[in-house]
Amino acid sequence: MKYLCLVYLDAENWSACPDRQCFDFAAGLAADGRLIAAEPLHPIDKAATVRVRGGQTSISDGPFAETRELLAGFYLIDAADREEALALAARIPPARYGSIEVRPVRELAP
């Protein structure tokens, strides 16, 4: 089953985890056949939020929610079950500096 592991960090810890650690972790998951995709994100000053209401599109700078921790990246993994996904998420290097949200991916119904 696919799980999306969303990496959240506050501004103070945005660059606390070296890229090499994240790269090596992703390479290990790939070698085990459990990595589908993983990417870091640019800081929120590069983000925009798009909303469509009543046929009108509005675009605002920044993330959707005002929070202390911000979405920093993701790992899309293949795990046998929730327990395995949580165990893998606990090994994601930025977990030491922020938090990892783990959510199962659902298939769209036709």
PDB file of N, CA and C in Angstrom:
ATOM      1  N   MET A   1       0.845  -1.177   0.000  1.00  0.00           N
ATOM      2  CA  MET A   1       0.000   0.000   0.000  1.00  0.00           C
ATOM      3  C   MET A   1       0.889   1.239   0.000  1.00  0.00           C
ATOM      4  N   LYS A   2       0.447   2.271  -0.687  1.00  0.00           N
ATOM      5  CA  LYS A   2       1.199   3.515  -0.747  1.00  0.00           C
ATOM      6  C   LYS A   2       0.874   4.399   0.459  1.00  0.00           C
ATOM      7  N   TYR A   3       1.922   5.022   0.997  1.00  0.00           N
ATOM      8  CA  TYR A   3       1.787   5.988   2.087  1.00  0.00           C
ATOM      9  C   TYR A   3       2.583   7.234   1.734  1.00  0.00           C
ATOM     10  N   LEU A   4       1.988   8.383   2.001  1.00  0.00           N
ATOM     11  CA  LEU A   4       2.677   9.648   1.808  1.00  0.00           C
ATOM     12  C   LEU A   4       3.182  10.124   3.157  1.00  0.00           C
ATOM     13  N   CYS A   5       4.474  10.335   3.249  1.00  0.00           N
ATOM     14  CA  CYS A   5       5.101  10.827   4.474  1.00  0.00           C
ATOM     15  C   CYS A   5       5.465  12.287   4.229  1.00  0.00           C
ATOM     16  N   LEU A   6       4.712  13.176   4.850  1.00  0.00           N
ATOM     17  CA  LEU A   6       4.920  14.613   4.684  1.00  0.00           C
ATOM     18  C   LEU A   6       5.863  15.120   5.755  1.00  0.00           C
ATOM     19  N   VAL A   7       6.918  15.779   5.342  1.00  0.00           N
ATOM     20  CA  VAL A   7       7.940  16.285   6.254  1.00  0.00           C
ATOM     21  C   VAL A   7       7.605  17.730   6.605  1.00  0.00           C
ATOM     22  N   TYR A   8       7.450  18.017   7.892  1.00  0.00           N
ATOM     23  CA  TYR A   8       7.172  19.370   8.369  1.00  0.00           C
ATOM     24  C   TYR A   8       8.326  19.861   9.234  1.00  0.00           C
ATOM     25  N   LEU A   9       8.758  21.081   8.970  1.00  0.00           N
ATOM     26  CA  LEU A   9       9.832  21.699   9.749  1.00  0.00           C
ATOM     27  C   LEU A   9       9.468  23.143  10.036  1.00  0.00           C
ATOM     28  N   ASP A  10       9.938  23.658  11.165  1.00  0.00           N
ATOM     29  CA  ASP A  10       9.749  25.088  11.402  1.00  0.00           C
ATOM     30  C   ASP A  10      10.887  25.837  10.712  1.00  0.00           C
ATOM     31  N   ALA A  11      10.746  27.137  10.590  1.00  0.00           N
ATOM     32  CA  ALA A  11      11.716  27.943   9.846  1.00  0.00           C
ATOM     33  C   ALA A  11      13.127  27.817  10.420  1.00  0.00           C
ATOM     34  N   GLU A  12      13.241  27.693  11.720  1.00  0.00           N
ATOM     35  CA  GLU A  12      14.559  27.586  12.355  1.00  0.00           C
ATOM     36  C   GLU A  12      15.293  26.316  11.962  1.00  0.00           C
ATOM     37  N   ASN A  13      14.564  25.257  11.666  1.00  0.00           N
ATOM     38  CA  ASN A  13      15.178  23.959  11.361  1.00  0.00           C
ATOM     39  C   ASN A  13      15.075  23.572   9.891  1.00  0.00           C
ATOM     40  N   TRP A  14      14.716  24.543   9.041  1.00  0.00           N
ATOM     41  CA  TRP A  14      14.490  24.234   7.621  1.00  0.00           C
ATOM     42  C   TRP A  14      15.692  23.532   6.988  1.00  0.00           C
ATOM     43  N   SER A  15      16.894  23.964   7.304  1.00  0.00           N
ATOM     44  CA  SER A  15      18.103  23.389   6.703  1.00  0.00           C
ATOM     45  C   SER A  15      18.937  22.607   7.716  1.00  0.00           C
ATOM     46  N   ALA A  16      18.340  22.228   8.826  1.00  0.00           N
ATOM     47  CA  ALA A  16      19.090  21.553   9.885  1.00  0.00           C
ATOM     48  C   ALA A  16      19.557  20.158   9.475  1.00  0.00           C
ATOM     49  N   CYS A  17      18.795  19.488   8.660  1.00  0.00           N
ATOM     50  CA  CYS A  17      19.139  18.135   8.237  1.00  0.00           C
ATOM     51  C   CYS A  17      19.867  18.210   6.892  1.00  0.00           C
ATOM     52  N   PRO A  18      21.093  17.738   6.822  1.00  0.00           N
ATOM     53  CA  PRO A  18      21.842  17.808   5.562  1.00  0.00           C
ATOM     54  C   PRO A  18      21.165  17.014   4.446  1.00  0.00           C
ATOM     55  N   ASP A  19      21.204  17.570   3.243  1.00  0.00           N
ATOM     56  CA  ASP A  19      20.625  16.891   2.079  1.00  0.00           C
ATOM     57  C   ASP A  19      21.173  15.479   1.930  1.00  0.00           C
ATOM     58  N   ARG A  20      22.462  15.283   2.203  1.00  0.00           N
ATOM     59  CA  ARG A  20      23.089  13.973   2.024  1.00  0.00           C
ATOM     60  C   ARG A  20      22.394  12.907   2.864  1.00  0.00           C
ATOM     61  N   GLN A  21      21.980  13.247   4.098  1.00  0.00           N
ATOM     62  CA  GLN A  21      21.283  12.273   4.945  1.00  0.00           C
ATOM     63  C   GLN A  21      19.952  11.871   4.318  1.00  0.00           C
ATOM     64  N   CYS A  22      19.222  12.841   3.806  1.00  0.00           N
ATOM     65  CA  CYS A  22      17.929  12.551   3.173  1.00  0.00           C
ATOM     66  C   CYS A  22      18.130  11.743   1.895  1.00  0.00           C
ATOM     67  N   PHE A  23      19.140  12.101   1.113  1.00  0.00           N
ATOM     68  CA  PHE A  23      19.447  11.379  -0.119  1.00  0.00           C
ATOM     69  C   PHE A  23      19.800   9.930   0.190  1.00  0.00           C
ATOM     70  N   ASP A  24      20.659   9.712   1.176  1.00  0.00           N
ATOM     71  CA  ASP A  24      21.073   8.356   1.538  1.00  0.00           C
ATOM     72  C   ASP A  24      19.897   7.533   2.048  1.00  0.00           C
ATOM     73  N   PHE A  25      19.021   8.152   2.846  1.00  0.00           N
ATOM     74  CA  PHE A  25      17.844   7.438   3.335  1.00  0.00           C
ATOM     75  C   PHE A  25      16.958   7.024   2.169  1.00  0.00           C
ATOM     76  N   ALA A  26      16.713   7.948   1.236  1.00  0.00           N
ATOM     77  CA  ALA A  26      15.885   7.643   0.063  1.00  0.00           C
ATOM     78  C   ALA A  26      16.531   6.557  -0.792  1.00  0.00           C
ATOM     79  N   ALA A  27      17.847   6.596  -0.928  1.00  0.00           N
ATOM     80  CA  ALA A  27      18.547   5.570  -1.703  1.00  0.00           C
ATOM     81  C   ALA A  27      18.376   4.194  -1.068  1.00  0.00           C
ATOM     82  N   GLY A  28      18.396   4.149   0.254  1.00  0.00           N
ATOM     83  CA  GLY A  28      18.171   2.879   0.949  1.00  0.00           C
ATOM     84  C   GLY A  28      16.769   2.340   0.725  1.00  0.00           C
ATOM     85  N   LEU A  29      15.777   3.239   0.781  1.00  0.00           N
ATOM     86  CA  LEU A  29      14.400   2.818   0.501  1.00  0.00           C
ATOM     87  C   LEU A  29      14.261   2.333  -0.936  1.00  0.00           C
ATOM     88  N   ALA A  30      14.925   3.021  -1.872  1.00  0.00           N
ATOM     89  CA  ALA A  30      14.876   2.628  -3.280  1.00  0.00           C
ATOM     90  C   ALA A  30      15.506   1.249  -3.470  1.00  0.00           C
ATOM     91  N   ALA A  31      16.627   1.006  -2.809  1.00  0.00           N
ATOM     92  CA  ALA A  31      17.302  -0.287  -2.916  1.00  0.00           C
ATOM     93  C   ALA A  31      16.421  -1.420  -2.401  1.00  0.00           C
ATOM     94  N   ASP A  32      15.590  -1.115  -1.398  1.00  0.00           N
ATOM     95  CA  ASP A  32      14.664  -2.108  -0.841  1.00  0.00           C
ATOM     96  C   ASP A  32      13.372  -2.221  -1.641  1.00  0.00           C
ATOM     97  N   GLY A  33      13.217  -1.377  -2.672  1.00  0.00           N
ATOM     98  CA  GLY A  33      12.006  -1.400  -3.484  1.00  0.00           C
ATOM     99  C   GLY A  33      10.809  -0.749  -2.814  1.00  0.00           C
ATOM    100  N   ARG A  34      11.054   0.093  -1.794  1.00  0.00           N
ATOM    101  CA  ARG A  34       9.944   0.709  -1.066  1.00  0.00           C
ATOM    102  C   ARG A  34       9.758   2.190  -1.380  1.00  0.00           C
ATOM    103  N   LEU A  35      10.655   2.801  -2.148  1.00  0.00           N
ATOM    104  CA  LEU A  35      10.538   4.216  -2.479  1.00  0.00           C
ATOM    105  C   LEU A  35       9.843   4.387  -3.824  1.00  0.00           C
ATOM    106  N   ILE A  36       8.797   5.197  -3.832  1.00  0.00           N
ATOM    107  CA  ILE A  36       8.117   5.543  -5.077  1.00  0.00           C
ATOM    108  C   ILE A  36       8.600   6.905  -5.541  1.00  0.00           C
ATOM    109  N   ALA A  37       8.700   7.860  -4.625  1.00  0.00           N
ATOM    110  CA  ALA A  37       9.197   9.199  -4.943  1.00  0.00           C
ATOM    111  C   ALA A  37       9.569   9.899  -3.642  1.00  0.00           C
ATOM    112  N   ALA A  38      10.498  10.840  -3.732  1.00  0.00           N
ATOM    113  CA  ALA A  38      10.876  11.672  -2.582  1.00  0.00           C
ATOM    114  C   ALA A  38      11.468  12.958  -3.125  1.00  0.00           C
ATOM    115  N   GLU A  39      11.027  14.071  -2.597  1.00  0.00           N
ATOM    116  CA  GLU A  39      11.528  15.376  -3.038  1.00  0.00           C
ATOM    117  C   GLU A  39      11.462  16.382  -1.902  1.00  0.00           C
ATOM    118  N   PRO A  40      12.480  17.228  -1.798  1.00  0.00           N
ATOM    119  CA  PRO A  40      12.382  18.363  -0.871  1.00  0.00           C
ATOM    120  C   PRO A  40      11.642  19.498  -1.562  1.00  0.00           C
ATOM    121  N   LEU A  41      11.117  20.407  -0.793  1.00  0.00           N
ATOM    122  CA  LEU A  41      10.425  21.578  -1.333  1.00  0.00           C
ATOM    123  C   LEU A  41      11.216  22.836  -1.020  1.00  0.00           C
ATOM    124  N   HIS A  42      11.042  23.845  -1.869  1.00  0.00           N
ATOM    125  CA  HIS A  42      11.633  25.153  -1.588  1.00  0.00           C
ATOM    126  C   HIS A  42      10.896  25.768  -0.394  1.00  0.00           C
ATOM    127  N   PRO A  43      11.495  26.754   0.264  1.00  0.00           N
ATOM    128  CA  PRO A  43      10.824  27.439   1.376  1.00  0.00           C
ATOM    129  C   PRO A  43       9.522  28.108   0.924  1.00  0.00           C
ATOM    130  N   ILE A  44       8.712  28.508   1.901  1.00  0.00           N
ATOM    131  CA  ILE A  44       7.368  29.022   1.600  1.00  0.00           C
ATOM    132  C   ILE A  44       7.360  30.314   0.818  1.00  0.00           C
ATOM    133  N   ASP A  45       8.470  31.039   0.778  1.00  0.00           N
ATOM    134  CA  ASP A  45       8.466  32.272  -0.011  1.00  0.00           C
ATOM    135  C   ASP A  45       8.349  31.997  -1.508  1.00  0.00           C
ATOM    136  N   LYS A  46       8.471  30.732  -1.903  1.00  0.00           N
ATOM    137  CA  LYS A  46       8.293  30.339  -3.307  1.00  0.00           C
ATOM    138  C   LYS A  46       6.901  29.736  -3.551  1.00  0.00           C
ATOM    139  N   ALA A  47       6.097  29.582  -2.502  1.00  0.00           N
ATOM    140  CA  ALA A  47       4.795  28.916  -2.611  1.00  0.00           C
ATOM    141  C   ALA A  47       3.688  29.882  -3.006  1.00  0.00           C
ATOM    142  N   ALA A  48       2.639  29.318  -3.578  1.00  0.00           N
ATOM    143  CA  ALA A  48       1.416  30.057  -3.889  1.00  0.00           C
ATOM    144  C   ALA A  48       0.240  29.132  -3.626  1.00  0.00           C
ATOM    145  N   THR A  49      -0.888  29.713  -3.280  1.00  0.00           N
ATOM    146  CA  THR A  49      -2.108  28.943  -3.044  1.00  0.00           C
ATOM    147  C   THR A  49      -3.159  29.385  -4.051  1.00  0.00           C
ATOM    148  N   VAL A  50      -3.772  28.414  -4.720  1.00  0.00           N
ATOM    149  CA  VAL A  50      -4.805  28.676  -5.725  1.00  0.00           C
ATOM    150  C   VAL A  50      -6.145  28.204  -5.177  1.00  0.00           C
ATOM    151  N   ARG A  51      -7.154  29.055  -5.282  1.00  0.00           N
ATOM    152  CA  ARG A  51      -8.524  28.706  -4.889  1.00  0.00           C
ATOM    153  C   ARG A  51      -9.459  29.094  -6.037  1.00  0.00           C
ATOM    154  N   VAL A  52     -10.475  28.279  -6.260  1.00  0.00           N
ATOM    155  CA  VAL A  52     -11.518  28.612  -7.233  1.00  0.00           C
ATOM    156  C   VAL A  52     -12.842  28.574  -6.493  1.00  0.00           C
ATOM    157  N   ARG A  53     -13.531  29.707  -6.456  1.00  0.00           N
ATOM    158  CA  ARG A  53     -14.826  29.835  -5.775  1.00  0.00           C
ATOM    159  C   ARG A  53     -15.780  30.546  -6.715  1.00  0.00           C
ATOM    160  N   GLY A  54     -16.907  29.926  -6.984  1.00  0.00           N
ATOM    161  CA  GLY A  54     -17.904  30.552  -7.849  1.00  0.00           C
ATOM    162  C   GLY A  54     -17.363  30.871  -9.231  1.00  0.00           C
ATOM    163  N   GLY A  55     -16.467  30.023  -9.726  1.00  0.00           N
ATOM    164  CA  GLY A  55     -15.893  30.241 -11.041  1.00  0.00           C
ATOM    165  C   GLY A  55     -14.780  31.261 -11.082  1.00  0.00           C
ATOM    166  N   GLN A  56     -14.453  31.877  -9.958  1.00  0.00           N
ATOM    167  CA  GLN A  56     -13.384  32.879  -9.884  1.00  0.00           C
ATOM    168  C   GLN A  56     -12.127  32.265  -9.258  1.00  0.00           C
ATOM    169  N   THR A  57     -11.021  32.500  -9.896  1.00  0.00           N
ATOM    170  CA  THR A  57      -9.749  31.990  -9.399  1.00  0.00           C
ATOM    171  C   THR A  57      -9.026  33.090  -8.633  1.00  0.00           C
ATOM    172  N   SER A  58      -8.547  32.734  -7.451  1.00  0.00           N
ATOM    173  CA  SER A  58      -7.710  33.663  -6.694  1.00  0.00           C
ATOM    174  C   SER A  58      -6.394  32.964  -6.381  1.00  0.00           C
ATOM    175  N   ILE A  59      -5.331  33.737  -6.435  1.00  0.00           N
ATOM    176  CA  ILE A  59      -3.993  33.219  -6.159  1.00  0.00           C
ATOM    177  C   ILE A  59      -3.372  34.106  -5.094  1.00  0.00           C
ATOM    178  N   SER A  60      -2.882  33.468  -4.030  1.00  0.00           N
ATOM    179  CA  SER A  60      -2.216  34.228  -2.975  1.00  0.00           C
ATOM    180  C   SER A  60      -0.834  33.635  -2.739  1.00  0.00           C
ATOM    181  N   ASP A  61       0.087  34.474  -2.338  1.00  0.00           N
ATOM    182  CA  ASP A  61       1.434  34.011  -2.036  1.00  0.00           C
ATOM    183  C   ASP A  61       1.437  33.252  -0.725  1.00  0.00           C
ATOM    184  N   GLY A  62       2.290  32.245  -0.659  1.00  0.00           N
ATOM    185  CA  GLY A  62       2.483  31.510   0.580  1.00  0.00           C
ATOM    186  C   GLY A  62       1.630  30.267   0.690  1.00  0.00           C
ATOM    187  N   PRO A  63       1.794  29.573   1.814  1.00  0.00           N
ATOM    188  CA  PRO A  63       1.064  28.324   2.040  1.00  0.00           C
ATOM    189  C   PRO A  63      -0.387  28.578   2.423  1.00  0.00           C
ATOM    190  N   PHE A  64      -1.172  27.525   2.400  1.00  0.00           N
ATOM    191  CA  PHE A  64      -2.596  27.603   2.701  1.00  0.00           C
ATOM    192  C   PHE A  64      -2.848  27.943   4.160  1.00  0.00           C
ATOM    193  N   ALA A  65      -2.119  27.311   5.058  1.00  0.00           N
ATOM    194  CA  ALA A  65      -2.404  27.471   6.492  1.00  0.00           C
ATOM    195  C   ALA A  65      -1.297  28.255   7.194  1.00  0.00           C
ATOM    196  N   GLU A  66      -1.689  28.996   8.203  1.00  0.00           N
ATOM    197  CA  GLU A  66      -0.731  29.685   9.058  1.00  0.00           C
ATOM    198  C   GLU A  66      -0.369  28.731  10.189  1.00  0.00           C
ATOM    199  N   THR A  67       0.819  28.155  10.113  1.00  0.00           N
ATOM    200  CA  THR A  67       1.263  27.215  11.140  1.00  0.00           C
ATOM    201  C   THR A  67       2.728  27.471  11.460  1.00  0.00           C
ATOM    202  N   ARG A  68       3.167  26.906  12.557  1.00  0.00           N
ATOM    203  CA  ARG A  68       4.568  27.047  12.946  1.00  0.00           C
ATOM    204  C   ARG A  68       5.440  26.125  12.092  1.00  0.00           C
ATOM    205  N   GLU A  69       4.981  24.893  11.876  1.00  0.00           N
ATOM    206  CA  GLU A  69       5.723  23.966  11.033  1.00  0.00           C
ATOM    207  C   GLU A  69       5.178  24.047   9.611  1.00  0.00           C
ATOM    208  N   LEU A  70       6.080  23.988   8.643  1.00  0.00           N
ATOM    209  CA  LEU A  70       5.723  24.152   7.244  1.00  0.00           C
ATOM    210  C   LEU A  70       6.118  22.910   6.467  1.00  0.00           C
ATOM    211  N   LEU A  71       5.377  22.612   5.415  1.00  0.00           N
ATOM    212  CA  LEU A  71       5.667  21.453   4.584  1.00  0.00           C
ATOM    213  C   LEU A  71       7.015  21.645   3.904  1.00  0.00           C
ATOM    214  N   ALA A  72       7.947  20.739   4.177  1.00  0.00           N
ATOM    215  CA  ALA A  72       9.307  20.863   3.669  1.00  0.00           C
ATOM    216  C   ALA A  72       9.625  19.862   2.565  1.00  0.00           C
ATOM    217  N   GLY A  73       8.887  18.775   2.491  1.00  0.00           N
ATOM    218  CA  GLY A  73       9.145  17.751   1.485  1.00  0.00           C
ATOM    219  C   GLY A  73       8.277  16.547   1.732  1.00  0.00           C
ATOM    220  N   PHE A  74       8.538  15.487   0.962  1.00  0.00           N
ATOM    221  CA  PHE A  74       7.729  14.283   1.103  1.00  0.00           C
ATOM    222  C   PHE A  74       8.500  13.054   0.673  1.00  0.00           C
ATOM    223  N   TYR A  75       8.043  11.924   1.157  1.00  0.00           N
ATOM    224  CA  TYR A  75       8.468  10.608   0.702  1.00  0.00           C
ATOM    225  C   TYR A  75       7.196   9.845   0.385  1.00  0.00           C
ATOM    226  N   LEU A  76       7.077   9.316  -0.799  1.00  0.00           N
ATOM    227  CA  LEU A  76       5.965   8.445  -1.163  1.00  0.00           C
ATOM    228  C   LEU A  76       6.525   7.036  -1.140  1.00  0.00           C
ATOM    229  N   ILE A  77       6.020   6.236  -0.212  1.00  0.00           N
ATOM    230  CA  ILE A  77       6.607   4.915   0.012  1.00  0.00           C
ATOM    231  C   ILE A  77       5.580   3.814  -0.221  1.00  0.00           C
ATOM    232  N   ASP A  78       6.088   2.606  -0.378  1.00  0.00           N
ATOM    233  CA  ASP A  78       5.255   1.424  -0.485  1.00  0.00           C
ATOM    234  C   ASP A  78       5.532   0.597   0.767  1.00  0.00           C
ATOM    235  N   ALA A  79       4.532   0.424   1.608  1.00  0.00           N
ATOM    236  CA  ALA A  79       4.692  -0.328   2.855  1.00  0.00           C
ATOM    237  C   ALA A  79       3.606  -1.392   2.950  1.00  0.00           C
ATOM    238  N   ALA A  80       3.891  -2.448   3.653  1.00  0.00           N
ATOM    239  CA  ALA A  80       2.942  -3.544   3.791  1.00  0.00           C
ATOM    240  C   ALA A  80       1.688  -3.121   4.546  1.00  0.00           C
ATOM    241  N   ASP A  81       1.865  -2.249   5.541  1.00  0.00           N
ATOM    242  CA  ASP A  81       0.737  -1.824   6.364  1.00  0.00           C
ATOM    243  C   ASP A  81       1.107  -0.539   7.103  1.00  0.00           C
ATOM    244  N   ARG A  82       0.169  -0.050   7.896  1.00  0.00           N
ATOM    245  CA  ARG A  82       0.368   1.211   8.633  1.00  0.00           C
ATOM    246  C   ARG A  82       1.563   1.136   9.573  1.00  0.00           C
ATOM    247  N   GLU A  83       1.735   0.002  10.245  1.00  0.00           N
ATOM    248  CA  GLU A  83       2.821  -0.142  11.195  1.00  0.00           C
ATOM    249  C   GLU A  83       4.183  -0.025  10.510  1.00  0.00           C
ATOM    250  N   GLU A  84       4.317  -0.653   9.342  1.00  0.00           N
ATOM    251  CA  GLU A  84       5.578  -0.554   8.619  1.00  0.00           C
ATOM    252  C   GLU A  84       5.796   0.886   8.135  1.00  0.00           C
ATOM    253  N   ALA A  85       4.737   1.533   7.656  1.00  0.00           N
ATOM    254  CA  ALA A  85       4.848   2.923   7.194  1.00  0.00           C
ATOM    255  C   ALA A  85       5.298   3.834   8.339  1.00  0.00           C
ATOM    256  N   LEU A  86       4.736   3.647   9.530  1.00  0.00           N
ATOM    257  CA  LEU A  86       5.122   4.453  10.684  1.00  0.00           C
ATOM    258  C   LEU A  86       6.568   4.182  11.099  1.00  0.00           C
ATOM    259  N   ALA A  87       6.988   2.926  11.024  1.00  0.00           N
ATOM    260  CA  ALA A  87       8.369   2.582  11.369  1.00  0.00           C
ATOM    261  C   ALA A  87       9.343   3.226  10.383  1.00  0.00           C
ATOM    262  N   LEU A  88       8.998   3.213   9.097  1.00  0.00           N
ATOM    263  CA  LEU A  88       9.851   3.857   8.100  1.00  0.00           C
ATOM    264  C   LEU A  88       9.873   5.364   8.309  1.00  0.00           C
ATOM    265  N   ALA A  89       8.722   5.956   8.597  1.00  0.00           N
ATOM    266  CA  ALA A  89       8.641   7.406   8.813  1.00  0.00           C
ATOM    267  C   ALA A  89       9.511   7.828   9.989  1.00  0.00           C
ATOM    268  N   ALA A  90       9.599   7.005  11.008  1.00  0.00           N
ATOM    269  CA  ALA A  90      10.423   7.335  12.174  1.00  0.00           C
ATOM    270  C   ALA A  90      11.906   7.385  11.819  1.00  0.00           C
ATOM    271  N   ARG A  91      12.286   6.749  10.706  1.00  0.00           N
ATOM    272  CA  ARG A  91      13.687   6.748  10.272  1.00  0.00           C
ATOM    273  C   ARG A  91      14.009   7.893   9.315  1.00  0.00           C
ATOM    274  N   ILE A  92      13.005   8.651   8.865  1.00  0.00           N
ATOM    275  CA  ILE A  92      13.256   9.768   7.952  1.00  0.00           C
ATOM    276  C   ILE A  92      14.090  10.806   8.707  1.00  0.00           C
ATOM    277  N   PRO A  93      15.264  11.174   8.181  1.00  0.00           N
ATOM    278  CA  PRO A  93      16.180  12.034   8.936  1.00  0.00           C
ATOM    279  C   PRO A  93      15.578  13.325   9.497  1.00  0.00           C
ATOM    280  N   PRO A  94      14.753  14.093   8.755  1.00  0.00           N
ATOM    281  CA  PRO A  94      14.226  15.331   9.333  1.00  0.00           C
ATOM    282  C   PRO A  94      13.255  15.120  10.506  1.00  0.00           C
ATOM    283  N   ALA A  95      12.873  13.888  10.795  1.00  0.00           N
ATOM    284  CA  ALA A  95      11.999  13.637  11.942  1.00  0.00           C
ATOM    285  C   ALA A  95      12.661  14.100  13.238  1.00  0.00           C
ATOM    286  N   ARG A  96      13.988  14.182  13.237  1.00  0.00           N
ATOM    287  CA  ARG A  96      14.723  14.649  14.424  1.00  0.00           C
ATOM    288  C   ARG A  96      14.574  16.148  14.641  1.00  0.00           C
ATOM    289  N   TYR A  97      14.122  16.872  13.623  1.00  0.00           N
ATOM    290  CA  TYR A  97      14.030  18.331  13.698  1.00  0.00           C
ATOM    291  C   TYR A  97      12.601  18.848  13.600  1.00  0.00           C
ATOM    292  N   GLY A  98      11.690  18.037  13.106  1.00  0.00           N
ATOM    293  CA  GLY A  98      10.303  18.465  12.903  1.00  0.00           C
ATOM    294  C   GLY A  98       9.364  17.300  13.132  1.00  0.00           C
ATOM    295  N   SER A  99       8.438  17.100  12.201  1.00  0.00           N
ATOM    296  CA  SER A  99       7.492  15.991  12.322  1.00  0.00           C
ATOM    297  C   SER A  99       7.218  15.399  10.951  1.00  0.00           C
ATOM    298  N   ILE A 100       6.742  14.162  10.957  1.00  0.00           N
ATOM    299  CA  ILE A 100       6.403  13.455   9.734  1.00  0.00           C
ATOM    300  C   ILE A 100       4.940  13.028   9.842  1.00  0.00           C
ATOM    301  N   GLU A 101       4.125  13.514   8.933  1.00  0.00           N
ATOM    302  CA  GLU A 101       2.721  13.096   8.866  1.00  0.00           C
ATOM    303  C   GLU A 101       2.631  11.929   7.894  1.00  0.00           C
ATOM    304  N   VAL A 102       2.029  10.836   8.334  1.00  0.00           N
ATOM    305  CA  VAL A 102       1.913   9.638   7.503  1.00  0.00           C
ATOM    306  C   VAL A 102       0.457   9.435   7.134  1.00  0.00           C
ATOM    307  N   ARG A 103       0.187   9.397   5.823  1.00  0.00           N
ATOM    308  CA  ARG A 103      -1.197   9.240   5.358  1.00  0.00           C
ATOM    309  C   ARG A 103      -1.256   8.204   4.249  1.00  0.00           C
ATOM    310  N   PRO A 104      -2.198   7.266   4.355  1.00  0.00           N
ATOM    311  CA  PRO A 104      -2.358   6.309   3.265  1.00  0.00           C
ATOM    312  C   PRO A 104      -2.889   7.026   2.015  1.00  0.00           C
ATOM    313  N   VAL A 105      -2.450   6.569   0.871  1.00  0.00           N
ATOM    314  CA  VAL A 105      -2.897   7.100  -0.408  1.00  0.00           C
ATOM    315  C   VAL A 105      -4.095   6.267  -0.853  1.00  0.00           C
ATOM    316  N   ARG A 106      -5.164   6.938  -1.272  1.00  0.00           N
ATOM    317  CA  ARG A 106      -6.324   6.188  -1.738  1.00  0.00           C
ATOM    318  C   ARG A 106      -6.444   6.321  -3.247  1.00  0.00           C
ATOM    319  N   GLU A 107      -7.005   5.312  -3.839  1.00  0.00           N
ATOM    320  CA  GLU A 107      -7.247   5.305  -5.278  1.00  0.00           C
ATOM    321  C   GLU A 107      -8.487   6.139  -5.569  1.00  0.00           C
ATOM    322  N   LEU A 108      -8.483   6.882  -6.658  1.00  0.00           N
ATOM    323  CA  LEU A 108      -9.678   7.621  -7.066  1.00  0.00           C
ATOM    324  C   LEU A 108     -10.714   6.647  -7.606  1.00  0.00           C
ATOM    325  N   ALA A 109     -11.929   6.834  -7.208  1.00  0.00           N
ATOM    326  CA  ALA A 109     -13.013   6.009  -7.723  1.00  0.00           C
ATOM    327  C   ALA A 109     -13.426   6.545  -9.102  1.00  0.00           C
ATOM    328  N   PRO A 110     -13.616   5.651 -10.074  1.00  0.00           N
ATOM    329  CA  PRO A 110     -14.016   6.123 -11.412  1.00  0.00           C
ATOM    330  C   PRO A 110     -15.420   6.703 -11.418  1.00  0.00           C
TER     331      PRO A 110
END
